[in-house]
């Protein structure tokens, strides 16, 4: 999925994210939990970026908030995550969870 995200194939990333969502099956949930938190956080940031690229701010916000709950350090320190947070936070009105994240990472006052 990171390759699709890097190549700007946002629709493909979103499609893939829907097929591997951790809530879909108990087996997948267990596999999701076994992944290192950094991987889960990076995955969700990539999904947030894809949603942002197709103009779905709510989807992007949801993925960012999920990523922060899973791997706060990954979201708050990773440059790509900070960029996506800033882009989503610019929306008027900014989604509440992302506005909070933007403040936590020092992107707003």
C-alpha atoms as a PDB file:
ATOM      1  CA  UNK A   1       0.000   0.000   0.000  1.00  0.00           C
ATOM      2  CA  UNK A   2       2.782   2.547   0.649  1.00  0.00           C
ATOM      3  CA  UNK A   3       3.854   2.179  -2.977  1.00  0.00           C
ATOM      4  CA  UNK A   4       0.339   2.961  -4.202  1.00  0.00           C
ATOM      5  CA  UNK A   5       0.243   5.968  -1.871  1.00  0.00           C
ATOM      6  CA  UNK A   6       3.604   7.224  -3.137  1.00  0.00           C
ATOM      7  CA  UNK A   7       2.448   6.873  -6.734  1.00  0.00           C
ATOM      8  CA  UNK A   8      -0.646   8.943  -6.030  1.00  0.00           C
ATOM      9  CA  UNK A   9      -3.065   6.032  -6.453  1.00  0.00           C
ATOM     10  CA  UNK A  10      -5.316   7.254  -3.666  1.00  0.00           C
ATOM     11  CA  UNK A  11      -8.388   5.403  -4.847  1.00  0.00           C
ATOM     12  CA  UNK A  12      -6.445   2.135  -4.808  1.00  0.00           C
ATOM     13  CA  UNK A  13      -5.154   2.851  -1.289  1.00  0.00           C
ATOM     14  CA  UNK A  14      -8.673   3.484  -0.021  1.00  0.00           C
ATOM     15  CA  UNK A  15      -9.933   0.359  -1.769  1.00  0.00           C
ATOM     16  CA  UNK A  16      -7.166  -1.705  -0.176  1.00  0.00           C
ATOM     17  CA  UNK A  17      -7.749  -0.162   3.243  1.00  0.00           C
ATOM     18  CA  UNK A  18     -11.382  -1.241   3.137  1.00  0.00           C
ATOM     19  CA  UNK A  19     -10.396  -4.833   2.481  1.00  0.00           C
ATOM     20  CA  UNK A  20      -7.911  -5.033   5.345  1.00  0.00           C
ATOM     21  CA  UNK A  21      -9.695  -2.957   7.967  1.00  0.00           C
ATOM     22  CA  UNK A  22      -8.979  -4.568  11.331  1.00  0.00           C
ATOM     23  CA  UNK A  23     -12.653  -4.563  12.310  1.00  0.00           C
ATOM     24  CA  UNK A  24     -13.743  -6.820   9.431  1.00  0.00           C
ATOM     25  CA  UNK A  25     -12.914 -10.283  10.787  1.00  0.00           C
ATOM     26  CA  UNK A  26     -11.732 -11.595  14.139  1.00  0.00           C
ATOM     27  CA  UNK A  27      -8.819 -13.329  12.420  1.00  0.00           C
ATOM     28  CA  UNK A  28      -7.742 -10.090  10.809  1.00  0.00           C
ATOM     29  CA  UNK A  29      -8.122  -8.243  14.092  1.00  0.00           C
ATOM     30  CA  UNK A  30      -5.720 -10.664  15.730  1.00  0.00           C
ATOM     31  CA  UNK A  31      -3.223 -10.258  12.885  1.00  0.00           C
ATOM     32  CA  UNK A  32      -3.615  -6.468  13.110  1.00  0.00           C
ATOM     33  CA  UNK A  33      -2.829  -6.526  16.830  1.00  0.00           C
ATOM     34  CA  UNK A  34       0.309  -8.569  16.204  1.00  0.00           C
ATOM     35  CA  UNK A  35       1.764  -5.919  13.917  1.00  0.00           C
ATOM     36  CA  UNK A  36       4.162  -3.475  15.586  1.00  0.00           C
ATOM     37  CA  UNK A  37       2.379  -0.264  16.521  1.00  0.00           C
ATOM     38  CA  UNK A  38       4.700   1.695  14.229  1.00  0.00           C
ATOM     39  CA  UNK A  39       3.451  -0.300  11.239  1.00  0.00           C
ATOM     40  CA  UNK A  40      -0.177   0.174  12.234  1.00  0.00           C
ATOM     41  CA  UNK A  41       0.344   3.905  12.698  1.00  0.00           C
ATOM     42  CA  UNK A  42       2.188   4.275   9.383  1.00  0.00           C
ATOM     43  CA  UNK A  43      -0.537   2.306   7.597  1.00  0.00           C
ATOM     44  CA  UNK A  44      -3.271   4.544   8.991  1.00  0.00           C
ATOM     45  CA  UNK A  45      -1.324   7.696   8.088  1.00  0.00           C
ATOM     46  CA  UNK A  46      -1.049   6.407   4.508  1.00  0.00           C
ATOM     47  CA  UNK A  47      -4.806   5.792   4.515  1.00  0.00           C
ATOM     48  CA  UNK A  48      -5.390   9.330   5.846  1.00  0.00           C
ATOM     49  CA  UNK A  49      -3.229  10.766   3.072  1.00  0.00           C
ATOM     50  CA  UNK A  50      -5.199   8.810   0.466  1.00  0.00           C
ATOM     51  CA  UNK A  51      -8.509  10.082   1.830  1.00  0.00           C
ATOM     52  CA  UNK A  52      -7.131  13.611   1.767  1.00  0.00           C
ATOM     53  CA  UNK A  53      -6.013  13.221  -1.840  1.00  0.00           C
ATOM     54  CA  UNK A  54      -9.526  12.260  -2.939  1.00  0.00           C
ATOM     55  CA  UNK A  55     -11.066  15.104  -0.916  1.00  0.00           C
ATOM     56  CA  UNK A  56     -12.591  13.041   1.895  1.00  0.00           C
ATOM     57  CA  UNK A  57     -11.625  15.129   4.931  1.00  0.00           C
ATOM     58  CA  UNK A  58     -13.782  13.115   7.321  1.00  0.00           C
ATOM     59  CA  UNK A  59     -12.125   9.859   6.231  1.00  0.00           C
ATOM     60  CA  UNK A  60      -8.693  11.460   6.574  1.00  0.00           C
ATOM     61  CA  UNK A  61      -9.540  12.802  10.019  1.00  0.00           C
ATOM     62  CA  UNK A  62     -10.880   9.446  11.185  1.00  0.00           C
ATOM     63  CA  UNK A  63      -7.731   7.637   9.997  1.00  0.00           C
ATOM     64  CA  UNK A  64      -5.470  10.213  11.688  1.00  0.00           C
ATOM     65  CA  UNK A  65      -7.308   9.965  14.991  1.00  0.00           C
ATOM     66  CA  UNK A  66      -7.174   6.162  14.777  1.00  0.00           C
ATOM     67  CA  UNK A  67      -3.453   6.326  13.985  1.00  0.00           C
ATOM     68  CA  UNK A  68      -2.845   8.594  16.970  1.00  0.00           C
ATOM     69  CA  UNK A  69      -4.707   6.241  19.293  1.00  0.00           C
ATOM     70  CA  UNK A  70      -2.617   3.302  18.036  1.00  0.00           C
ATOM     71  CA  UNK A  71       0.817   4.911  17.717  1.00  0.00           C
ATOM     72  CA  UNK A  72       0.974   8.480  19.033  1.00  0.00           C
ATOM     73  CA  UNK A  73       4.736   8.801  18.539  1.00  0.00           C
ATOM     74  CA  UNK A  74       4.434   7.689  14.912  1.00  0.00           C
ATOM     75  CA  UNK A  75       1.793  10.316  14.229  1.00  0.00           C
ATOM     76  CA  UNK A  76       3.233  13.166  16.229  1.00  0.00           C
ATOM     77  CA  UNK A  77       6.833  12.805  15.024  1.00  0.00           C
ATOM     78  CA  UNK A  78       6.591  11.461  11.479  1.00  0.00           C
ATOM     79  CA  UNK A  79       6.948  14.304   8.948  1.00  0.00           C
ATOM     80  CA  UNK A  80       4.345  12.852   6.565  1.00  0.00           C
ATOM     81  CA  UNK A  81       1.821  12.554   9.386  1.00  0.00           C
ATOM     82  CA  UNK A  82       2.426  16.154  10.424  1.00  0.00           C
ATOM     83  CA  UNK A  83       1.892  17.274   6.824  1.00  0.00           C
ATOM     84  CA  UNK A  84      -1.398  15.375   6.564  1.00  0.00           C
ATOM     85  CA  UNK A  85      -2.520  16.740   9.937  1.00  0.00           C
ATOM     86  CA  UNK A  86      -1.750  20.279   8.783  1.00  0.00           C
ATOM     87  CA  UNK A  87      -3.608  19.795   5.501  1.00  0.00           C
ATOM     88  CA  UNK A  88      -6.711  18.388   7.189  1.00  0.00           C
ATOM     89  CA  UNK A  89      -6.569  21.009   9.967  1.00  0.00           C
ATOM     90  CA  UNK A  90      -6.774  23.786   7.346  1.00  0.00           C
ATOM     91  CA  UNK A  91     -10.326  22.708   6.497  1.00  0.00           C
ATOM     92  CA  UNK A  92     -13.004  25.015   7.800  1.00  0.00           C
ATOM     93  CA  UNK A  93     -14.157  23.927  10.242  1.00  0.00           C
ATOM     94  CA  UNK A  94     -11.345  21.531  11.057  1.00  0.00           C
ATOM     95  CA  UNK A  95     -12.520  18.144  12.333  1.00  0.00           C
ATOM     96  CA  UNK A  96     -12.308  18.248  16.143  1.00  0.00           C
ATOM     97  CA  UNK A  97      -9.932  15.306  16.528  1.00  0.00           C
ATOM     98  CA  UNK A  98      -7.541  16.716  13.961  1.00  0.00           C
ATOM     99  CA  UNK A  99      -7.718  20.203  15.472  1.00  0.00           C
ATOM    100  CA  UNK A 100      -6.635  18.623  18.763  1.00  0.00           C
ATOM    101  CA  UNK A 101      -3.823  16.726  17.027  1.00  0.00           C
ATOM    102  CA  UNK A 102      -2.641  19.890  15.275  1.00  0.00           C
ATOM    103  CA  UNK A 103      -2.408  21.605  18.631  1.00  0.00           C
ATOM    104  CA  UNK A 104      -0.604  18.643  20.230  1.00  0.00           C
ATOM    105  CA  UNK A 105       2.070  18.572  17.521  1.00  0.00           C
ATOM    106  CA  UNK A 106       2.524  22.345  17.613  1.00  0.00           C
ATOM    107  CA  UNK A 107       0.941  23.194  14.270  1.00  0.00           C
ATOM    108  CA  UNK A 108      -1.549  25.619  15.828  1.00  0.00           C
ATOM    109  CA  UNK A 109      -1.683  27.729  18.925  1.00  0.00           C
END
